[in-house]
Amino acid sequence: MIIYPNSFHRLIDESGNMAEALMYYSYITLMTIGYGDIYPISPVAQKASIFIGLIGQFYLVIITAIVVGKYISQSSENKSLE
């Protein structure tokens, strides 16, 4: 944001702290919630937002796969003990 100023609409919050607002935006985008209160304007910021959103989807898939894998392995261990 230092290299491309004004890349996001409403990035600076009431206290003037851009870092906190950027962390908030990153978490909301990563969790794929997207409230729309802060949004990218420049092409670089839009591409970065798409990348962060994709990482959020991969994160969700990986966590789900780990949980399901542990459940299946535990279930198969319990059946072999019977």
Protein backbone atom coordinates (compact mmCIF):
# COMPACT_ATOMS: atom_id res chain seq x y z
CA MET A 1 0.00 0.00 0.00
CA ILE A 2 3.01 2.22 0.36
CA ILE A 3 4.00 1.59 -3.25
CA TYR A 4 0.44 1.99 -4.59
CA PRO A 5 -1.34 4.57 -2.42
CA ASN A 6 -5.14 4.75 -2.52
CA SER A 7 -5.40 1.15 -3.74
CA PHE A 8 -8.30 0.44 -1.37
CA HIS A 9 -11.46 2.36 -0.64
CA ARG A 10 -11.87 3.21 3.09
CA LEU A 11 -8.64 1.54 4.15
CA ILE A 12 -7.79 4.10 6.81
CA ASP A 13 -10.12 3.72 9.80
CA GLU A 14 -11.30 6.38 12.25
CA SER A 15 -8.12 6.20 14.29
CA GLY A 16 -6.00 6.60 11.16
CA ASN A 17 -4.39 3.18 11.62
CA MET A 18 -3.95 1.67 8.17
CA ALA A 19 -2.23 -1.50 9.44
CA GLU A 20 -5.21 -2.61 11.53
CA ALA A 21 -7.65 -1.91 8.72
CA LEU A 22 -5.47 -3.88 6.29
CA MET A 23 -5.32 -6.85 8.70
CA TYR A 24 -9.09 -6.68 9.10
CA TYR A 25 -9.53 -6.64 5.31
CA SER A 26 -7.10 -9.53 4.88
CA TYR A 27 -8.89 -11.72 7.45
CA ILE A 28 -12.33 -10.94 6.04
CA THR A 29 -11.10 -11.78 2.54
CA LEU A 30 -9.23 -14.92 3.69
CA MET A 31 -12.36 -16.21 5.41
CA THR A 32 -14.28 -15.37 2.21
CA ILE A 33 -16.83 -13.27 4.10
CA GLY A 34 -16.34 -10.03 2.16
CA TYR A 35 -18.44 -7.40 3.92
CA GLY A 36 -17.63 -4.78 1.29
CA ASP A 37 -16.74 -1.97 3.65
CA ILE A 38 -13.16 -2.00 2.33
CA TYR A 39 -12.63 -2.95 -1.28
CA PRO A 40 -9.76 -2.85 -3.80
CA ILE A 41 -9.67 -0.12 -6.41
CA SER A 42 -6.36 -0.55 -8.27
CA PRO A 43 -5.64 -3.59 -10.46
CA VAL A 44 -2.74 -4.65 -8.22
CA ALA A 45 -4.95 -4.58 -5.12
CA GLN A 46 -7.68 -6.49 -6.95
CA LYS A 47 -5.24 -9.23 -7.95
CA ALA A 48 -3.87 -9.42 -4.41
CA SER A 49 -7.44 -9.76 -3.09
CA ILE A 50 -8.19 -12.57 -5.51
CA PHE A 51 -5.01 -14.34 -4.39
CA ILE A 52 -5.93 -13.97 -0.71
CA GLY A 53 -9.45 -15.27 -1.42
CA LEU A 54 -8.03 -18.32 -3.22
CA ILE A 55 -5.72 -19.02 -0.30
CA GLY A 56 -8.79 -18.93 1.95
CA GLN A 57 -10.48 -21.59 -0.18
CA PHE A 58 -7.41 -23.83 -0.18
CA TYR A 59 -7.10 -23.39 3.58
CA LEU A 60 -10.69 -24.53 4.05
CA VAL A 61 -10.17 -27.57 1.82
CA ILE A 62 -6.93 -28.57 3.56
CA ILE A 63 -8.43 -28.29 7.05
CA THR A 64 -11.48 -30.30 5.98
CA ALA A 65 -9.27 -32.98 4.42
CA ILE A 66 -7.17 -33.26 7.59
CA VAL A 67 -10.25 -33.60 9.81
CA VAL A 68 -11.90 -36.17 7.54
CA GLY A 69 -8.63 -38.09 7.20
CA LYS A 70 -8.20 -38.28 10.98
CA TYR A 71 -11.82 -39.38 11.38
CA ILE A 72 -11.43 -42.14 8.78
CA SER A 73 -8.15 -43.39 10.26
CA GLN A 74 -9.61 -43.40 13.78
CA SER A 75 -12.73 -45.16 12.52
CA SER A 76 -10.69 -47.86 10.77
CA GLU A 77 -8.53 -48.36 13.89
CA ASN A 78 -11.64 -48.84 16.04
CA LYS A 79 -13.00 -51.44 13.59
CA SER A 80 -9.74 -53.37 13.59
CA LEU A 81 -9.78 -53.53 17.41
CA GLU A 82 -13.24 -55.10 17.45
